[in-house]
Amino acid sequence: MKRAKIILMRHGECEGGGIFRGRTDVKLTDIGMTQMQQAFIEQQYPISHVFSSPLLRCQLFSQALAQQLSLPLTTLSSLQEIDFGVWDGQSFDAIYQQNPQQFNAYWDNPWLAQNTPDKAESVTDFAARVEAGLMNVVDALWSSFAQTDSAQKKPNGDDCPHALVVTHGGVMRCLVGYVLNTGQCSGLFANLAIPYAAIMVLDVYWPDDVDNIDRFQLPIKDTKAAKVSFTLHWPKT
């Protein structure tokens, strides 16, 4: 069985304060950059691939790290934060004052279409986009096996590819739900805390007969990424 690891990292503290920071493109604060640098150093993963959301709060760290590691940076728009529509970039307090009923309804269950802010991306569409982005990462990891020579294996046997994905809290919540098969669980957004620079790890597994398994599966995705399984690791704090 082939395996790989995906290390998901949330961006650090950003400029702008307490706002709906979806597509609003703000930079990291100095504290935010330090948070990410420290979190990465503490984990000590042998990174072989670097992926990032295109938004500055992810790109600033990702570009610097990819350069430091002499690795290419792959930017995936599918792994950027949800678009909050007319709420995007506005403070939580301002939105609550304008329409407390809709604010509370969206917070309680963002999956319902009637709770979605005007011109915003629905959470259903967001989750589908994020899952497609995950599969792009998985496909890239699968492709890397064909480029790996057995002579390059590490002495400790930990020779599987490791992808760092620098992304957002909403994206990570969607991926938790996807891997754990929680369905449309509102608690992923209202009750799951994901701090700045938090790291979540996914083990990725492919069965040995991945090229011959299609006939046993529904034709949902005609890619090798459709034949994987995942294990979620939440790090100690």
Protein backbone atom coordinates (compact mmCIF):
# COMPACT_ATOMS: atom_id res chain seq x y z
CA MET A 1 0.00 0.00 0.00
CA LYS A 2 1.38 3.40 -0.98
CA ARG A 3 1.06 6.25 1.48
CA ALA A 4 1.71 9.97 1.84
CA LYS A 5 1.07 12.78 4.28
CA ILE A 6 -0.73 16.07 3.81
CA ILE A 7 0.14 18.71 6.41
CA LEU A 8 -2.57 21.36 6.50
CA MET A 9 -1.57 24.66 8.07
CA ARG A 10 -3.84 27.59 8.77
CA HIS A 11 -2.41 31.05 8.17
CA GLY A 12 -1.33 33.20 11.10
CA GLU A 13 -2.76 36.39 12.56
CA CYS A 14 -3.86 38.88 9.90
CA GLU A 15 -4.40 42.58 9.51
CA GLY A 16 -7.96 43.83 9.78
CA GLY A 17 -9.08 42.57 13.18
CA GLY A 18 -12.39 40.75 13.71
CA ILE A 19 -13.85 40.69 10.21
CA PHE A 20 -15.42 38.21 7.82
CA ARG A 21 -12.06 37.51 6.21
CA GLY A 22 -13.09 35.42 3.25
CA ARG A 23 -11.87 36.63 -0.14
CA THR A 24 -10.72 39.91 1.43
CA ASP A 25 -7.00 39.85 0.70
CA VAL A 26 -5.15 41.10 3.78
CA LYS A 27 -1.55 40.53 4.80
CA LEU A 28 -0.19 38.71 7.81
CA THR A 29 0.89 40.73 10.80
CA ASP A 30 4.46 40.28 12.02
CA ILE A 31 3.01 38.12 14.79
CA GLY A 32 1.16 36.03 12.22
CA MET A 33 4.31 35.30 10.24
CA THR A 34 6.15 34.34 13.44
CA GLN A 35 3.30 32.02 14.44
CA MET A 36 3.56 30.13 11.16
CA GLN A 37 7.34 29.92 11.19
CA GLN A 38 7.36 28.56 14.73
CA ALA A 39 4.58 26.06 14.04
CA PHE A 40 6.38 24.70 10.99
CA ILE A 41 9.72 24.37 12.78
CA GLU A 42 8.13 22.50 15.70
CA GLN A 43 6.53 19.87 13.44
CA GLN A 44 9.75 19.01 11.56
CA TYR A 45 8.13 17.32 8.57
CA PRO A 46 10.32 16.46 5.52
CA ILE A 47 8.31 18.50 3.03
CA SER A 48 8.45 17.42 -0.62
CA HIS A 49 5.57 19.55 -2.01
CA VAL A 50 4.23 23.00 -1.13
CA PHE A 51 0.68 24.08 -1.98
CA SER A 52 -1.02 27.34 -1.03
CA SER A 53 -4.18 29.35 -1.26
CA PRO A 54 -3.63 32.38 -3.52
CA LEU A 55 -4.56 34.86 -0.78
CA LEU A 56 -1.74 36.92 0.73
CA ARG A 57 -2.16 35.61 4.25
CA CYS A 58 -1.13 32.20 2.92
CA GLN A 59 1.12 33.19 0.02
CA LEU A 60 3.52 35.33 2.05
CA PHE A 61 4.62 32.37 4.15
CA SER A 62 4.36 29.79 1.37
CA GLN A 63 6.55 31.70 -1.07
CA ALA A 64 9.27 32.25 1.52
CA LEU A 65 9.20 28.62 2.64
CA ALA A 66 9.21 27.17 -0.88
CA GLN A 67 12.22 29.31 -1.71
CA GLN A 68 13.97 28.24 1.49
CA LEU A 69 13.36 24.55 0.71
CA SER A 70 14.15 24.95 -3.02
CA LEU A 71 10.74 23.52 -3.91
CA PRO A 72 8.18 24.74 -6.44
CA LEU A 73 5.05 26.40 -5.04
CA THR A 74 1.70 25.27 -6.42
CA THR A 75 -1.11 27.77 -5.88
CA LEU A 76 -4.63 26.33 -5.78
CA SER A 77 -7.58 28.71 -5.93
CA SER A 78 -9.79 25.80 -4.85
CA LEU A 79 -8.21 25.98 -1.38
CA GLN A 80 -8.89 29.64 -0.68
CA GLU A 81 -11.38 30.78 1.94
CA ILE A 82 -15.14 30.98 1.37
CA ASP A 83 -16.55 34.14 -0.21
CA PHE A 84 -18.87 35.84 2.31
CA GLY A 85 -20.40 38.06 -0.35
CA VAL A 86 -21.67 41.42 0.94
CA TRP A 87 -20.38 40.52 4.41
CA ASP A 88 -16.83 39.98 3.21
CA GLY A 89 -14.38 42.41 4.79
CA GLN A 90 -16.95 43.80 7.25
CA SER A 91 -16.62 43.44 11.01
CA PHE A 92 -18.63 40.85 12.91
CA ASP A 93 -20.08 43.61 15.10
CA ALA A 94 -21.22 45.67 12.12
CA ILE A 95 -22.99 42.72 10.48
CA TYR A 96 -24.64 41.77 13.76
CA GLN A 97 -25.92 45.29 14.28
CA GLN A 98 -27.30 45.42 10.73
CA ASN A 99 -29.13 42.10 10.83
CA PRO A 100 -28.81 40.06 14.05
CA GLN A 101 -31.37 37.48 12.89
CA GLN A 102 -29.48 36.54 9.74
CA PHE A 103 -26.14 36.69 11.54
CA ASN A 104 -27.37 34.20 14.16
CA ALA A 105 -29.06 32.00 11.57
CA TYR A 106 -25.87 31.74 9.49
CA TRP A 107 -23.80 31.03 12.57
CA ASP A 108 -26.23 28.31 13.72
CA ASN A 109 -26.47 26.58 10.33
CA PRO A 110 -24.47 28.00 7.40
CA TRP A 111 -25.44 25.02 5.19
CA LEU A 112 -28.98 26.29 4.67
CA ALA A 113 -29.31 28.28 1.45
CA GLN A 114 -31.72 30.77 3.06
CA ASN A 115 -29.07 31.66 5.64
CA THR A 116 -26.38 32.48 3.05
CA PRO A 117 -25.42 36.19 2.84
CA ASP A 118 -26.27 38.03 -0.36
CA LYS A 119 -23.81 37.31 -3.21
CA ALA A 120 -21.93 34.83 -1.01
CA GLU A 121 -20.67 31.39 -1.92
CA SER A 122 -22.89 28.70 -0.45
CA VAL A 123 -21.23 26.38 2.04
CA THR A 124 -22.33 23.43 -0.11
CA ASP A 125 -20.45 24.85 -3.12
CA PHE A 126 -17.52 25.77 -0.89
CA ALA A 127 -17.23 22.23 0.48
CA ALA A 128 -17.34 20.74 -3.03
CA ARG A 129 -14.62 23.16 -4.18
CA VAL A 130 -12.40 22.33 -1.21
CA GLU A 131 -12.82 18.58 -1.72
CA ALA A 132 -11.80 19.00 -5.37
CA GLY A 133 -8.74 20.94 -4.20
CA LEU A 134 -7.79 18.13 -1.82
CA MET A 135 -7.99 15.66 -4.69
CA ASN A 136 -5.66 17.85 -6.75
CA VAL A 137 -3.10 17.59 -3.96
CA VAL A 138 -3.63 13.83 -3.72
CA ASP A 139 -3.16 13.44 -7.47
CA ALA A 140 0.11 15.36 -7.32
CA LEU A 141 1.33 13.11 -4.53
CA TRP A 142 0.36 10.01 -6.50
CA SER A 143 2.25 11.29 -9.52
CA SER A 144 5.35 11.79 -7.40
CA PHE A 145 5.66 8.03 -6.84
CA ALA A 146 6.58 7.55 -10.48
CA GLN A 147 9.41 10.06 -10.04
CA THR A 148 10.87 8.51 -6.86
CA ASP A 149 13.82 6.18 -7.20
CA SER A 150 14.16 3.45 -4.58
CA ALA A 151 17.77 4.56 -4.01
CA GLN A 152 16.46 7.85 -2.65
CA LYS A 153 14.65 6.28 0.29
CA LYS A 154 15.51 7.70 3.67
CA PRO A 155 17.40 5.49 6.14
CA ASN A 156 14.56 5.70 8.68
CA GLY A 157 12.08 4.33 6.14
CA ASP A 158 9.98 7.51 6.20
CA ASP A 159 10.24 7.90 2.44
CA CYS A 160 6.62 8.81 1.71
CA PRO A 161 5.96 12.22 0.13
CA HIS A 162 4.88 15.03 2.46
CA ALA A 163 2.78 17.91 1.10
CA LEU A 164 2.40 21.14 3.03
CA VAL A 165 -0.90 22.89 2.25
CA VAL A 166 -1.14 26.45 3.57
CA THR A 167 -4.78 27.39 3.74
CA HIS A 168 -7.65 28.74 5.87
CA GLY A 169 -9.77 27.81 8.86
CA GLY A 170 -12.91 27.30 6.79
CA VAL A 171 -11.07 25.02 4.39
CA MET A 172 -9.70 22.92 7.23
CA ARG A 173 -13.16 22.60 8.79
CA CYS A 174 -14.57 21.36 5.48
CA LEU A 175 -11.78 18.81 5.20
CA VAL A 176 -12.39 17.56 8.74
CA GLY A 177 -16.01 16.99 7.76
CA TYR A 178 -15.03 15.28 4.52
CA VAL A 179 -12.50 12.90 6.06
CA LEU A 180 -14.73 12.05 9.04
CA ASN A 181 -17.85 11.84 6.84
CA THR A 182 -19.86 14.13 9.10
CA GLY A 183 -22.18 15.38 6.37
CA GLN A 184 -23.62 18.88 6.69
CA CYS A 185 -22.61 19.41 10.30
CA SER A 186 -23.07 23.01 11.47
CA GLY A 187 -20.85 22.35 14.48
CA LEU A 188 -17.79 22.23 12.22
CA PHE A 189 -18.13 25.98 11.80
CA ALA A 190 -19.72 27.07 15.07
CA ASN A 191 -17.97 24.80 17.57
CA LEU A 192 -14.63 23.64 16.13
CA ALA A 193 -11.79 25.96 17.11
CA ILE A 194 -8.85 26.12 14.68
CA PRO A 195 -6.28 28.63 15.98
CA TYR A 196 -3.95 30.69 13.85
CA ALA A 197 -1.08 28.57 12.47
CA ALA A 198 -2.82 25.36 13.59
CA ILE A 199 -1.56 22.20 11.88
CA MET A 200 -3.66 19.18 10.99
CA VAL A 201 -2.20 16.07 9.36
CA LEU A 202 -3.86 13.67 6.94
CA ASP A 203 -2.37 10.25 6.25
CA VAL A 204 -3.18 9.28 2.66
CA TYR A 205 -3.36 5.61 1.59
CA TRP A 206 -3.68 3.96 -1.82
CA PRO A 207 -4.40 0.22 -2.16
CA ASP A 208 -1.79 -1.74 -4.08
CA ASP A 209 -4.23 -2.54 -6.89
CA VAL A 210 -5.32 1.08 -7.37
CA ASP A 211 -5.09 0.77 -11.17
CA ASN A 212 -7.50 -2.17 -11.22
CA ILE A 213 -10.05 -1.10 -8.63
CA ASP A 214 -12.32 1.03 -10.86
CA ARG A 215 -14.79 -1.76 -11.58
CA PHE A 216 -15.63 -2.03 -7.88
CA GLN A 217 -16.46 1.65 -7.42
CA LEU A 218 -19.21 3.98 -8.54
CA PRO A 219 -17.98 6.22 -11.40
CA ILE A 220 -17.89 9.35 -9.27
CA LYS A 221 -14.34 10.44 -10.08
CA ASP A 222 -12.24 8.96 -12.85
CA THR A 223 -8.94 9.75 -11.10
CA LYS A 224 -6.58 7.82 -8.86
CA ALA A 225 -7.43 10.31 -6.14
CA ALA A 226 -10.90 8.75 -5.92
CA LYS A 227 -9.39 5.50 -4.63
CA VAL A 228 -7.69 6.85 -1.54
CA SER A 229 -8.51 6.69 2.14
CA PHE A 230 -7.51 9.12 4.87
CA THR A 231 -6.67 9.15 8.55
CA LEU A 232 -6.89 12.43 10.44
CA HIS A 233 -4.33 13.43 13.09
CA TRP A 234 -4.90 16.44 15.30
CA PRO A 235 -1.61 17.46 16.93
CA LYS A 236 -0.96 17.79 20.64
CA THR A 237 -0.92 21.36 21.93
